[in-house]
Amino acid sequence: MLVSLTLHQFALIAQHELSVAEGFNVITGETGAGKSLLLDALSLCVGERADSAMVRHGAAHADIYAQFDVENNSVVADWFAKNDRPLEEPEVLIRRQLSNTGRSKAWLNGSPVSLAELKSLGALLVNIHSQHAQQALLKPQFVVQWLDEMAQITPLAIQTASSYQAYQQLKRRADDIASREAQRQDRIQLLQSQLADIAPLLAVDYAEVESEHEELSNIEALMQEASHGLHLLDNDTDEPDVMTLLGQAIKLCDNQVGVSQTFEQASEQLHLAQQQITEVTALLSDYAEQQLPDPERLQTLDNLISLGHRLSRKHSLPASDLIDEAKGWEAQLEQLENEPSSDAMAAQIDQAWQDYLALATQLNKERTKAAPIISKQLIKQLQPLALPNARCEFVFTKKAEPSQYNAQGCFDIDLLFSANVGMPMQPLHKIASGGELSRMALVMQVLQATNADNNAAKPMLVFDEVDVGISGGTAQVVGELLRSLGQTQQLLAITHQAQVAAQAHQHILVQKHHQEQTESELLILTDSAQVDELARMSGGVIITDVTRDHARSLLSDVK
């Protein structure tokens, strides 16, 4: 329940703290006085988007504070637990700050809170019914959604809609695959052809092939170089060679081993060098005396190198990069080959359709079961509102073709209405007058509000322009209806009807003062002040004893 609403530099209000009573609170005031400002401020505190125009002229920012009592409200406590926020006291304090630059901030019990979180929590604290609710009645989907909520089958309706959307997504995917089938096959053939071309290169290490080809192409020259190197290291001629000179150096050092440690170290290193040169000599000897390579092997290498050069020119990539690119081709080919065809998806689509039909059938069963009961509730509430002959009925019409089925099910649902004896019922949007629509909208909102679990904490109800299209005795009944609802739930409503305002548990007046800067003032009315305001609402600008007596009679009728 809303305990208080504090406004600072908000629109026409410079500073005010408003205490909100339990039960039915009503807001009145002349046109343009700023009655909707309270609703705007409350909307901001429950997550609506801000507008810099709401900041009072000349101020840097506006602040709104909303204090809620949430004692024994398990739904709100669960929200705090789910969002990892402490709730140490049975109180929720929401602060919203708007800057004249367009930025806004929000705090929850002193800690920053995101707009999404605030909106989520706000839905549990406040339920705002727009003055445009009667226009919503003209939309068939509103009637269906309202019926589902009243029948408490909204989760089933959401599940049915999700199932239909899943079916549609599969269909669109299959259609997309079918439209791309020719392109897909062309791409598969191209990739297969490219991979077939490059397959010989993928089967080898191309860098090693290049190295081996380079060597074998120059093998005779390399064998001659090996022979020359071998001759320099070790030969049987009178020409000096490395091994002979090294042997002499070893002998020299060996003779001085006992005399100098340096010679001893030198001798050890020379022996190691002699051993390594011996190994090198063997390598060069084998290389120089090897047989010439198999011409077929060289031809194989020639073919691989030629293929690499050809494909490199074709694809404008170095051969080494082309091989890396081919790995990407393999991945693309695998993905395309594994992608289901439109034919292969037919079974999935059929199963999705059957799942949807099962849910839609169950949904329609629940709707048709609840509709007569809800129709009677509507009639019972409408008849006292100057509609004694009101009749209502939900009519279900099976859609002509399965292709016409949609997320709301297999049936078109109309709310038929008649306000006059002997006149047939027709769809509400075709025959109802503005006044009838407004009363129907009010009754539907009230029923919706009272349909929740009676044991659960209920959000505050806010009605904007609750009396559109009604007057006189009907307004009296509306006021009594709202007062009765206020016995179990907190309400806040803007009204222009004295009969409605007189039924309130608390009467809030919004007055505008034209000083150096226009300012709106909020007053809690009691006694004579309330009588004067009701007289103004009933009789106009000039308040007389007659209009005051009428106002007092309205208050005396309150039960």
Protein backbone atom coordinates (compact mmCIF):
# COMPACT_ATOMS: atom_id res chain seq x y z
CA MET A 1 0.00 0.00 0.00
CA LEU A 2 1.16 3.52 -0.84
CA VAL A 3 1.78 5.49 2.37
CA SER A 4 3.07 8.78 1.02
CA LEU A 5 4.14 10.54 -2.15
CA THR A 6 6.62 13.43 -1.93
CA LEU A 7 7.22 15.80 -4.84
CA HIS A 8 10.04 18.33 -5.14
CA GLN A 9 10.30 20.72 -8.11
CA PHE A 10 8.04 18.43 -10.14
CA ALA A 11 6.18 20.21 -12.94
CA LEU A 12 3.79 22.73 -11.32
CA ILE A 13 4.46 21.47 -7.78
CA ALA A 14 7.37 23.12 -5.94
CA GLN A 15 7.28 21.01 -2.79
CA HIS A 16 4.63 18.79 -1.28
CA GLU A 17 4.30 15.60 0.75
CA LEU A 18 1.00 13.79 0.34
CA SER A 19 -0.18 11.14 2.77
CA VAL A 20 -2.35 8.54 1.04
CA ALA A 21 -5.08 6.77 3.00
CA GLU A 22 -6.14 3.17 2.92
CA GLY A 23 -9.22 2.46 0.86
CA PHE A 24 -10.58 4.75 -1.86
CA ASN A 25 -8.65 8.00 -2.51
CA VAL A 26 -10.04 10.45 -5.02
CA ILE A 27 -8.36 13.38 -6.80
CA THR A 28 -10.43 16.33 -8.02
CA GLY A 29 -9.76 19.82 -9.30
CA GLU A 30 -10.55 22.15 -12.14
CA THR A 31 -9.39 21.32 -15.65
CA GLY A 32 -5.71 22.14 -16.02
CA ALA A 33 -5.05 22.28 -12.27
CA GLY A 34 -2.59 19.39 -12.51
CA LYS A 35 -4.59 16.37 -11.33
CA SER A 36 -2.66 14.03 -13.58
CA LEU A 37 0.66 15.13 -12.06
CA LEU A 38 0.18 12.77 -9.12
CA LEU A 39 -0.38 9.88 -11.49
CA ASP A 40 2.63 10.91 -13.56
CA ALA A 41 4.80 11.04 -10.43
CA LEU A 42 3.57 7.66 -9.25
CA SER A 43 4.16 6.18 -12.71
CA LEU A 44 7.77 7.37 -12.61
CA CYS A 45 8.28 5.68 -9.25
CA VAL A 46 7.16 2.35 -10.69
CA GLY A 47 9.43 2.42 -13.71
CA GLU A 48 7.94 4.61 -16.43
CA ARG A 49 10.33 6.62 -18.58
CA ALA A 50 11.07 10.21 -17.63
CA ASP A 51 10.74 13.44 -19.58
CA SER A 52 12.88 16.48 -18.80
CA ALA A 53 9.75 18.64 -19.30
CA MET A 54 8.53 17.27 -15.94
CA VAL A 55 11.23 19.25 -14.13
CA ARG A 56 9.83 22.52 -12.78
CA HIS A 57 10.92 25.55 -14.80
CA GLY A 58 14.11 27.05 -13.39
CA ALA A 59 15.05 23.94 -11.36
CA ALA A 60 18.04 21.71 -12.11
CA HIS A 61 16.22 18.52 -11.23
CA ALA A 62 13.03 17.09 -9.77
CA ASP A 63 12.76 14.46 -7.03
CA ILE A 64 9.86 12.09 -6.34
CA TYR A 65 9.68 9.79 -3.32
CA ALA A 66 7.10 7.01 -2.94
CA GLN A 67 6.84 5.14 0.36
CA PHE A 68 5.04 1.80 0.43
CA ASP A 69 4.03 -0.37 3.38
CA VAL A 70 4.70 -4.00 2.37
CA GLU A 71 4.10 -5.75 5.68
CA ASN A 72 2.78 -9.29 5.08
CA ASN A 73 3.33 -8.84 1.33
CA SER A 74 5.00 -12.13 0.45
CA VAL A 75 5.02 -11.32 -3.28
CA VAL A 76 7.20 -8.24 -2.75
CA ALA A 77 9.39 -10.11 -0.24
CA ASP A 78 9.94 -12.84 -2.84
CA TRP A 79 10.91 -10.18 -5.40
CA PHE A 80 13.56 -8.77 -3.06
CA ALA A 81 14.95 -12.25 -2.37
CA LYS A 82 15.00 -13.16 -6.06
CA ASN A 83 16.86 -9.95 -6.90
CA ASP A 84 19.37 -10.34 -4.05
CA ARG A 85 18.21 -7.19 -2.30
CA PRO A 86 17.77 -6.88 1.48
CA LEU A 87 14.35 -6.07 2.90
CA GLU A 88 15.12 -5.38 6.54
CA GLU A 89 11.96 -3.38 7.28
CA PRO A 90 8.39 -3.85 5.98
CA GLU A 91 8.82 -0.69 3.95
CA VAL A 92 9.81 0.16 0.40
CA LEU A 93 11.11 3.65 -0.37
CA ILE A 94 11.51 4.50 -4.06
CA ARG A 95 13.23 7.69 -5.17
CA ARG A 96 13.28 8.95 -8.73
CA GLN A 97 15.32 11.97 -9.76
CA LEU A 98 14.88 13.72 -13.12
CA SER A 99 17.41 16.14 -14.56
CA ASN A 100 16.52 19.07 -16.80
CA THR A 101 19.13 17.65 -19.21
CA GLY A 102 17.00 14.56 -19.76
CA ARG A 103 18.85 12.10 -17.52
CA SER A 104 17.20 10.27 -14.64
CA LYS A 105 18.27 8.15 -11.67
CA ALA A 106 16.44 5.80 -9.35
CA TRP A 107 17.03 4.38 -5.87
CA LEU A 108 15.35 1.59 -3.98
CA ASN A 109 15.67 1.77 -0.18
CA GLY A 110 18.71 3.98 -0.69
CA SER A 111 20.49 1.75 -3.23
CA PRO A 112 20.66 2.45 -6.99
CA VAL A 113 18.16 0.45 -9.03
CA SER A 114 17.77 -0.07 -12.77
CA LEU A 115 14.63 1.01 -14.60
CA ALA A 116 13.91 -2.61 -15.55
CA GLU A 117 14.07 -3.69 -11.91
CA LEU A 118 11.90 -0.77 -10.85
CA LYS A 119 9.29 -1.63 -13.46
CA SER A 120 9.29 -5.26 -12.35
CA LEU A 121 8.79 -4.31 -8.70
CA GLY A 122 6.35 -1.52 -9.60
CA ALA A 123 3.99 -4.01 -11.25
CA LEU A 124 3.63 -5.67 -7.84
CA LEU A 125 2.96 -2.38 -6.04
CA VAL A 126 0.75 -0.36 -8.41
CA ASN A 127 -1.71 -1.26 -11.16
CA ILE A 128 -2.52 1.79 -13.31
CA HIS A 129 -5.63 1.71 -15.53
CA SER A 130 -5.49 4.27 -18.31
CA GLN A 131 -8.31 6.60 -19.29
CA HIS A 132 -8.00 5.05 -22.76
CA ALA A 133 -9.20 1.64 -21.55
CA GLN A 134 -12.49 2.02 -23.43
CA GLN A 135 -10.59 2.40 -26.70
CA ALA A 136 -8.80 -0.87 -25.90
CA LEU A 137 -12.21 -2.61 -25.87
CA LEU A 138 -12.43 -1.98 -29.61
CA LYS A 139 -9.48 -4.29 -30.18
CA PRO A 140 -10.43 -7.99 -30.34
CA GLN A 141 -7.13 -9.10 -28.79
CA PHE A 142 -7.88 -7.06 -25.64
CA VAL A 143 -11.11 -8.99 -25.06
CA VAL A 144 -9.29 -12.30 -25.51
CA GLN A 145 -6.49 -11.33 -23.14
CA TRP A 146 -9.00 -10.10 -20.56
CA LEU A 147 -10.98 -13.34 -20.80
CA ASP A 148 -7.78 -15.36 -20.28
CA GLU A 149 -6.84 -13.33 -17.23
CA MET A 150 -10.29 -13.60 -15.73
CA ALA A 151 -10.28 -17.36 -16.36
CA GLN A 152 -6.77 -17.50 -14.85
CA ILE A 153 -5.41 -19.29 -17.92
CA THR A 154 -2.93 -16.64 -19.05
CA PRO A 155 0.04 -19.09 -18.60
CA LEU A 156 -1.69 -21.55 -20.96
CA ALA A 157 -2.36 -18.74 -23.46
CA ILE A 158 1.30 -17.69 -23.33
CA GLN A 159 2.41 -21.32 -23.82
CA THR A 160 0.07 -21.64 -26.82
CA ALA A 161 1.41 -18.43 -28.36
CA SER A 162 5.00 -19.60 -27.84
CA SER A 163 4.19 -22.94 -29.46
CA TYR A 164 2.67 -21.19 -32.48
CA GLN A 165 5.71 -18.95 -32.80
CA ALA A 166 8.01 -22.00 -32.65
CA TYR A 167 6.00 -23.60 -35.46
CA GLN A 168 6.20 -20.43 -37.54
CA GLN A 169 9.96 -20.18 -36.99
CA LEU A 170 10.44 -23.76 -38.25
CA LYS A 171 8.30 -23.00 -41.29
CA ARG A 172 10.25 -19.85 -42.08
CA ARG A 173 13.52 -21.74 -41.71
CA ALA A 174 12.31 -24.50 -44.03
CA ASP A 175 11.13 -21.92 -46.59
CA ASP A 176 14.45 -20.15 -46.34
CA ILE A 177 16.35 -23.40 -46.84
CA ALA A 178 14.14 -24.28 -49.82
CA SER A 179 14.72 -20.87 -51.42
CA ARG A 180 18.46 -21.29 -50.94
CA GLU A 181 18.55 -24.95 -52.01
CA ALA A 182 19.86 -24.28 -55.54
CA GLN A 183 22.49 -21.87 -54.23
CA ARG A 184 23.39 -24.38 -51.54
CA GLN A 185 23.92 -27.17 -54.07
CA ASP A 186 25.98 -24.89 -56.31
CA ARG A 187 28.15 -23.94 -53.34
CA ILE A 188 28.58 -27.59 -52.35
CA GLN A 189 29.68 -28.49 -55.90
CA LEU A 190 32.10 -25.57 -56.02
CA LEU A 191 33.66 -26.48 -52.66
CA GLN A 192 33.89 -30.13 -53.61
CA SER A 193 35.59 -29.17 -56.89
CA GLN A 194 38.04 -26.82 -55.15
CA LEU A 195 38.87 -29.41 -52.50
CA ALA A 196 39.33 -32.10 -55.16
CA ASP A 197 41.83 -29.80 -56.94
CA ILE A 198 43.81 -29.11 -53.82
CA ALA A 199 43.50 -32.61 -52.29
CA PRO A 200 47.08 -33.68 -53.34
CA LEU A 201 48.50 -30.66 -51.51
CA LEU A 202 46.44 -31.36 -48.39
CA ALA A 203 47.83 -34.90 -48.26
CA VAL A 204 51.45 -33.69 -47.83
CA ASP A 205 53.46 -31.13 -45.94
CA TYR A 206 53.83 -28.55 -48.69
CA ALA A 207 56.75 -26.81 -47.00
CA GLU A 208 58.68 -30.10 -46.94
CA VAL A 209 57.76 -30.76 -50.57
CA GLU A 210 59.20 -27.39 -51.57
CA SER A 211 62.37 -28.09 -49.62
CA GLU A 212 62.81 -31.58 -51.06
CA HIS A 213 62.08 -30.37 -54.61
CA GLU A 214 64.66 -27.61 -54.25
CA GLU A 215 67.29 -30.14 -53.14
CA LEU A 216 66.58 -32.83 -55.72
CA SER A 217 66.49 -30.30 -58.53
CA ASN A 218 70.12 -29.45 -57.69
CA ILE A 219 71.30 -32.88 -56.53
CA GLU A 220 74.27 -33.30 -58.93
CA ALA A 221 75.73 -29.91 -58.01
CA LEU A 222 75.18 -30.66 -54.34
CA MET A 223 76.96 -34.06 -54.68
CA GLN A 224 79.95 -32.31 -56.27
CA GLU A 225 80.01 -29.78 -53.43
CA ALA A 226 79.96 -32.67 -50.94
CA SER A 227 82.95 -34.28 -52.69
CA HIS A 228 84.86 -31.01 -52.60
CA GLY A 229 84.10 -30.57 -48.92
CA LEU A 230 85.17 -34.12 -48.21
CA HIS A 231 88.46 -33.53 -50.04
CA LEU A 232 89.16 -30.50 -47.84
CA LEU A 233 88.48 -32.43 -44.66
CA ASP A 234 90.23 -35.71 -45.46
CA ASN A 235 92.03 -36.90 -48.62
CA ASP A 236 94.66 -39.44 -49.62
CA THR A 237 96.74 -37.00 -51.65
CA ASP A 238 99.74 -34.89 -50.72
CA GLU A 239 97.45 -31.84 -50.39
CA PRO A 240 96.99 -30.71 -46.80
CA ASP A 241 93.57 -31.49 -45.29
CA VAL A 242 91.81 -30.68 -42.05
CA MET A 243 92.21 -34.15 -40.51
CA THR A 244 95.98 -34.19 -41.12
CA LEU A 245 96.48 -30.71 -39.68
CA LEU A 246 94.19 -31.51 -36.77
CA GLY A 247 96.18 -34.68 -36.03
CA GLN A 248 99.35 -32.62 -35.88
CA ALA A 249 97.80 -30.13 -33.49
CA ILE A 250 96.54 -32.95 -31.23
CA LYS A 251 100.02 -34.50 -31.09
CA LEU A 252 101.53 -31.14 -30.18
CA CYS A 253 99.10 -30.57 -27.31
CA ASP A 254 99.32 -34.14 -26.08
CA ASN A 255 103.08 -33.74 -25.66
CA GLN A 256 102.50 -30.82 -23.27
CA VAL A 257 99.65 -32.22 -21.23
CA GLY A 258 101.75 -32.91 -18.16
CA VAL A 259 103.36 -29.48 -18.30
CA SER A 260 100.34 -27.15 -18.74
CA GLN A 261 96.67 -27.43 -17.91
CA THR A 262 95.89 -25.23 -20.87
CA PHE A 263 97.36 -27.74 -23.26
CA GLU A 264 95.41 -30.46 -21.48
CA GLN A 265 92.14 -28.56 -22.06
CA ALA A 266 93.12 -27.81 -25.65
CA SER A 267 93.84 -31.49 -26.24
CA GLU A 268 90.41 -32.52 -24.99
CA GLN A 269 88.68 -29.99 -27.26
CA LEU A 270 90.75 -31.04 -30.29
CA HIS A 271 89.85 -34.71 -29.75
CA LEU A 272 86.18 -33.71 -29.68
CA ALA A 273 86.64 -31.71 -32.88
CA GLN A 274 88.35 -34.67 -34.50
CA GLN A 275 85.38 -36.87 -33.60
CA GLN A 276 82.84 -34.35 -35.00
CA ILE A 277 84.83 -33.87 -38.23
CA THR A 278 84.94 -37.64 -38.62
CA GLU A 279 81.14 -37.71 -38.44
CA VAL A 280 80.86 -34.84 -40.92
CA THR A 281 83.24 -36.65 -43.26
CA ALA A 282 81.03 -39.72 -43.15
CA LEU A 283 77.94 -37.63 -43.92
CA LEU A 284 79.55 -35.89 -46.88
CA SER A 285 80.95 -39.20 -48.14
CA ASP A 286 77.53 -40.83 -48.10
CA TYR A 287 75.97 -37.79 -49.78
CA ALA A 288 78.65 -37.58 -52.46
CA GLU A 289 78.50 -41.29 -53.25
CA GLN A 290 74.68 -41.70 -53.20
CA GLN A 291 72.75 -42.82 -56.22
CA LEU A 292 70.85 -40.24 -58.18
CA PRO A 293 67.19 -39.95 -57.03
CA ASP A 294 64.36 -41.80 -58.72
CA PRO A 295 63.15 -39.66 -61.65
CA GLU A 296 59.56 -40.58 -60.72
CA ARG A 297 60.02 -39.04 -57.27
CA LEU A 298 61.30 -35.85 -58.81
CA GLN A 299 58.38 -35.90 -61.24
CA THR A 300 55.96 -36.31 -58.32
CA LEU A 301 57.50 -33.31 -56.60
CA ASP A 302 57.43 -31.33 -59.85
CA ASN A 303 53.73 -32.09 -60.21
CA LEU A 304 52.98 -30.98 -56.63
CA ILE A 305 54.94 -27.76 -57.03
CA SER A 306 53.28 -27.04 -60.38
CA LEU A 307 49.86 -27.67 -58.84
CA GLY A 308 50.69 -25.30 -55.98
CA HIS A 309 51.74 -22.57 -58.42
CA ARG A 310 48.65 -23.05 -60.59
CA LEU A 311 46.20 -22.92 -57.70
CA SER A 312 48.08 -19.99 -56.20
CA ARG A 313 47.56 -18.01 -59.42
CA LYS A 314 43.93 -19.15 -59.67
CA HIS A 315 42.99 -18.06 -56.18
CA SER A 316 45.48 -15.18 -55.90
CA LEU A 317 46.95 -16.64 -52.71
CA PRO A 318 50.36 -18.04 -51.80
CA ALA A 319 50.24 -21.82 -51.75
CA SER A 320 50.79 -21.97 -47.98
CA ASP A 321 47.85 -19.55 -47.38
CA LEU A 322 45.73 -21.46 -49.88
CA ILE A 323 46.13 -24.64 -47.85
CA ASP A 324 44.90 -22.79 -44.75
CA GLU A 325 41.98 -21.47 -46.81
CA ALA A 326 41.13 -25.02 -47.86
CA LYS A 327 40.58 -25.96 -44.21
CA GLY A 328 37.85 -23.30 -44.16
CA TRP A 329 36.35 -24.82 -47.31
CA GLU A 330 36.20 -28.19 -45.58
CA ALA A 331 34.32 -26.64 -42.62
CA GLN A 332 31.88 -24.86 -44.95
CA LEU A 333 31.26 -28.04 -46.92
CA GLU A 334 30.60 -30.02 -43.75
CA GLN A 335 28.12 -27.40 -42.52
CA LEU A 336 26.28 -27.24 -45.86
CA GLU A 337 26.13 -31.03 -46.19
CA ASN A 338 24.81 -31.40 -42.64
CA GLU A 339 22.23 -28.62 -42.99
CA PRO A 340 18.78 -30.21 -43.07
CA SER A 341 16.87 -29.93 -46.30
CA SER A 342 13.38 -28.49 -46.39
CA ASP A 343 12.07 -32.03 -46.90
CA ALA A 344 13.97 -33.31 -43.88
CA MET A 345 12.36 -30.59 -41.73
CA ALA A 346 8.84 -31.65 -42.66
CA ALA A 347 8.61 -34.06 -39.72
CA GLN A 348 9.76 -31.36 -37.26
CA ILE A 349 7.23 -28.91 -38.67
CA ASP A 350 4.41 -31.44 -38.43
CA GLN A 351 5.30 -32.23 -34.82
CA ALA A 352 5.41 -28.52 -33.94
CA TRP A 353 1.97 -28.07 -35.54
CA GLN A 354 0.52 -30.98 -33.57
CA ASP A 355 1.98 -29.57 -30.34
CA TYR A 356 0.38 -26.21 -31.10
CA LEU A 357 -3.00 -27.76 -31.94
CA ALA A 358 -3.02 -29.70 -28.67
CA LEU A 359 -2.37 -26.54 -26.67
CA ALA A 360 -4.84 -24.44 -28.70
CA THR A 361 -7.54 -27.08 -28.22
CA GLN A 362 -6.97 -27.15 -24.46
CA LEU A 363 -6.95 -23.35 -24.36
CA ASN A 364 -10.27 -23.14 -26.21
CA LYS A 365 -11.74 -25.73 -23.87
CA GLU A 366 -10.78 -23.64 -20.83
CA ARG A 367 -12.06 -20.44 -22.45
CA THR A 368 -15.47 -21.87 -23.37
CA LYS A 369 -15.80 -23.32 -19.89
CA ALA A 370 -15.10 -19.98 -18.17
CA ALA A 371 -16.86 -17.63 -20.62
CA PRO A 372 -20.50 -18.09 -19.41
CA ILE A 373 -19.48 -17.52 -15.78
CA ILE A 374 -17.54 -14.38 -16.66
CA SER A 375 -20.42 -13.10 -18.82
CA LYS A 376 -22.75 -13.36 -15.82
CA GLN A 377 -20.26 -11.41 -13.71
CA LEU A 378 -20.16 -8.68 -16.34
CA ILE A 379 -23.96 -8.44 -16.53
CA LYS A 380 -24.30 -8.35 -12.75
CA GLN A 381 -21.91 -5.40 -12.52
CA LEU A 382 -23.27 -3.54 -15.57
CA GLN A 383 -26.97 -3.57 -14.73
CA PRO A 384 -26.71 -1.21 -11.71
CA LEU A 385 -24.83 1.29 -13.92
CA ALA A 386 -28.02 2.48 -15.64
CA LEU A 387 -27.94 -0.56 -17.91
CA PRO A 388 -30.75 -2.68 -16.42
CA ASN A 389 -31.26 -4.64 -19.63
CA ALA A 390 -27.59 -5.24 -20.37
CA ARG A 391 -26.73 -8.63 -21.83
CA CYS A 392 -23.27 -10.00 -22.66
CA GLU A 393 -22.03 -13.16 -24.25
CA PHE A 394 -18.71 -14.48 -25.56
CA VAL A 395 -19.08 -16.08 -28.99
CA PHE A 396 -16.48 -18.51 -30.35
CA THR A 397 -16.21 -18.92 -34.13
CA LYS A 398 -13.88 -21.56 -35.55
CA LYS A 399 -11.52 -20.07 -38.09
CA ALA A 400 -12.36 -21.23 -41.61
CA GLU A 401 -8.92 -22.59 -42.50
CA PRO A 402 -6.00 -23.90 -40.45
CA SER A 403 -3.87 -21.32 -42.24
CA GLN A 404 -5.87 -18.67 -40.35
CA TYR A 405 -4.97 -20.06 -36.93
CA ASN A 406 -2.74 -17.74 -34.95
CA ALA A 407 -0.97 -17.26 -31.64
CA GLN A 408 -4.34 -16.71 -29.88
CA GLY A 409 -5.74 -20.03 -31.04
CA CYS A 410 -8.11 -21.58 -33.55
CA PHE A 411 -11.18 -19.47 -32.77
CA ASP A 412 -12.23 -15.86 -33.23
CA ILE A 413 -13.68 -14.58 -29.96
CA ASP A 414 -16.19 -11.73 -29.85
CA LEU A 415 -17.80 -10.12 -26.83
CA LEU A 416 -21.41 -9.52 -27.85
CA PHE A 417 -23.42 -6.83 -26.08
CA SER A 418 -26.90 -5.38 -26.04
CA ALA A 419 -28.20 -2.65 -23.76
CA ASN A 420 -31.80 -2.64 -24.98
CA VAL A 421 -34.74 -5.03 -24.70
CA GLY A 422 -35.60 -6.80 -27.92
CA MET A 423 -32.39 -5.81 -29.66
CA PRO A 424 -30.01 -8.56 -30.76
CA MET A 425 -26.57 -8.74 -29.27
CA GLN A 426 -23.76 -7.63 -31.57
CA PRO A 427 -19.98 -7.23 -31.20
CA LEU A 428 -19.27 -4.58 -28.61
CA HIS A 429 -17.27 -2.33 -30.91
CA LYS A 430 -20.17 -2.10 -33.38
CA ILE A 431 -23.06 -0.98 -31.18
CA ALA A 432 -21.91 0.35 -27.82
CA SER A 433 -22.10 4.10 -27.23
CA GLY A 434 -19.26 6.04 -25.61
CA GLY A 435 -20.99 5.94 -22.24
CA GLU A 436 -21.68 2.22 -22.51
CA LEU A 437 -18.08 1.58 -23.49
CA SER A 438 -16.78 3.57 -20.53
CA ARG A 439 -18.98 1.63 -18.11
CA MET A 440 -17.97 -1.68 -19.67
CA ALA A 441 -14.29 -0.67 -19.39
CA LEU A 442 -14.73 0.27 -15.74
CA VAL A 443 -16.49 -2.97 -14.87
CA MET A 444 -13.90 -5.04 -16.68
CA GLN A 445 -11.09 -3.25 -14.83
CA VAL A 446 -12.81 -3.73 -11.48
CA LEU A 447 -13.44 -7.41 -12.15
CA GLN A 448 -9.86 -7.81 -13.27
CA ALA A 449 -8.62 -6.17 -10.08
CA THR A 450 -10.83 -8.28 -7.82
CA ASN A 451 -10.07 -11.51 -9.65
CA ALA A 452 -6.73 -11.97 -7.90
CA ASP A 453 -6.21 -14.25 -4.92
CA ASN A 454 -8.11 -12.67 -2.02
CA ASN A 455 -5.49 -13.84 0.46
CA ALA A 456 -2.61 -12.30 -1.45
CA ALA A 457 -1.46 -8.70 -1.00
CA LYS A 458 -2.95 -6.70 -3.86
CA PRO A 459 -1.30 -3.80 -5.67
CA MET A 460 -2.71 -0.32 -5.37
CA LEU A 461 -5.27 0.39 -8.11
CA VAL A 462 -5.10 3.67 -10.00
CA PHE A 463 -7.95 4.81 -12.26
CA ASP A 464 -7.37 7.76 -14.59
CA GLU A 465 -10.59 9.63 -15.53
CA VAL A 466 -12.74 6.85 -14.08
CA ASP A 467 -16.04 8.65 -14.85
CA VAL A 468 -15.68 9.27 -18.58
CA GLY A 469 -19.12 9.12 -20.22
CA ILE A 470 -21.18 8.75 -17.02
CA SER A 471 -23.17 11.12 -14.83
CA GLY A 472 -26.03 11.37 -12.37
CA GLY A 473 -27.26 8.20 -10.73
CA THR A 474 -24.78 6.09 -12.68
CA ALA A 475 -21.92 8.08 -11.19
CA GLN A 476 -23.40 7.39 -7.76
CA VAL A 477 -23.28 3.64 -8.43
CA VAL A 478 -19.71 3.89 -9.76
CA GLY A 479 -18.68 5.71 -6.61
CA GLU A 480 -20.31 3.05 -4.43
CA LEU A 481 -18.58 0.35 -6.47
CA LEU A 482 -15.19 1.95 -5.97
CA ARG A 483 -15.80 2.54 -2.27
CA SER A 484 -16.78 -1.10 -1.87
CA LEU A 485 -13.62 -2.15 -3.70
CA GLY A 486 -11.66 0.15 -1.40
CA GLN A 487 -12.70 -1.94 1.60
CA THR A 488 -10.23 -4.63 0.54
CA GLN A 489 -7.81 -2.74 -1.72
CA GLN A 490 -6.22 0.70 -1.90
CA LEU A 491 -7.49 2.85 -4.80
CA LEU A 492 -6.56 6.22 -6.26
CA ALA A 493 -8.81 7.76 -8.90
CA ILE A 494 -9.20 11.03 -10.76
CA THR A 495 -12.84 12.02 -11.18
CA HIS A 496 -14.99 14.92 -12.37
CA GLN A 497 -18.18 13.60 -10.78
CA ALA A 498 -19.27 14.78 -7.34
CA GLN A 499 -21.22 11.54 -6.84
CA VAL A 500 -17.99 9.55 -7.26
CA ALA A 501 -15.85 11.89 -5.17
CA ALA A 502 -18.32 11.84 -2.28
CA GLN A 503 -17.78 8.09 -1.85
CA ALA A 504 -14.02 8.43 -1.27
CA HIS A 505 -12.36 7.59 2.02
CA GLN A 506 -9.94 10.49 1.32
CA HIS A 507 -10.54 13.48 -0.94
CA ILE A 508 -7.48 15.18 -2.50
CA LEU A 509 -7.95 18.56 -4.19
CA VAL A 510 -5.47 19.96 -6.71
CA GLN A 511 -5.54 23.76 -6.94
CA LYS A 512 -3.55 26.02 -9.23
CA HIS A 513 -2.24 29.39 -7.99
CA HIS A 514 -1.08 32.05 -10.44
CA GLN A 515 1.70 34.00 -8.71
CA GLU A 516 5.13 34.95 -10.05
CA GLN A 517 5.36 31.36 -11.20
CA THR A 518 2.27 29.16 -11.50
CA GLU A 519 2.12 26.52 -8.80
CA SER A 520 -0.24 23.65 -8.01
CA GLU A 521 -1.18 22.87 -4.42
CA LEU A 522 -2.47 19.59 -2.95
CA LEU A 523 -5.06 19.70 -0.17
CA ILE A 524 -6.72 16.94 1.86
CA LEU A 525 -10.37 18.00 2.10
CA THR A 526 -12.64 17.38 5.05
CA ASP A 527 -15.83 18.89 6.43
CA SER A 528 -16.81 22.26 4.89
CA ALA A 529 -13.90 22.32 2.44
CA GLN A 530 -15.03 18.98 1.02
CA VAL A 531 -18.61 20.22 0.86
CA ASP A 532 -17.51 23.30 -1.11
CA GLU A 533 -15.52 21.21 -3.59
CA LEU A 534 -18.42 18.80 -4.14
CA ALA A 535 -20.71 21.81 -4.57
CA ARG A 536 -18.34 23.25 -7.18
CA MET A 537 -18.28 19.93 -9.02
CA SER A 538 -22.07 19.72 -8.93
CA GLY A 539 -23.09 23.30 -9.59
CA GLY A 540 -20.31 25.12 -11.35
CA VAL A 541 -18.31 28.23 -10.48
CA ILE A 542 -20.90 29.92 -8.23
CA ILE A 543 -21.43 27.95 -5.04
CA THR A 544 -24.83 28.45 -3.45
CA ASP A 545 -26.60 27.11 -0.41
CA VAL A 546 -28.54 24.83 -2.74
CA THR A 547 -25.39 23.28 -4.21
CA ARG A 548 -23.92 22.95 -0.71
CA ASP A 549 -27.04 21.18 0.49
CA HIS A 550 -26.78 18.85 -2.51
CA ALA A 551 -23.12 18.15 -1.63
CA ARG A 552 -24.06 17.39 1.98
CA SER A 553 -26.76 15.02 0.78
CA LEU A 554 -24.18 13.15 -1.30
CA LEU A 555 -21.96 12.75 1.74
CA SER A 556 -24.89 11.67 3.93
CA ASP A 557 -25.66 8.89 1.44
CA VAL A 558 -22.22 7.34 1.91
CA LYS A 559 -22.47 3.94 3.57
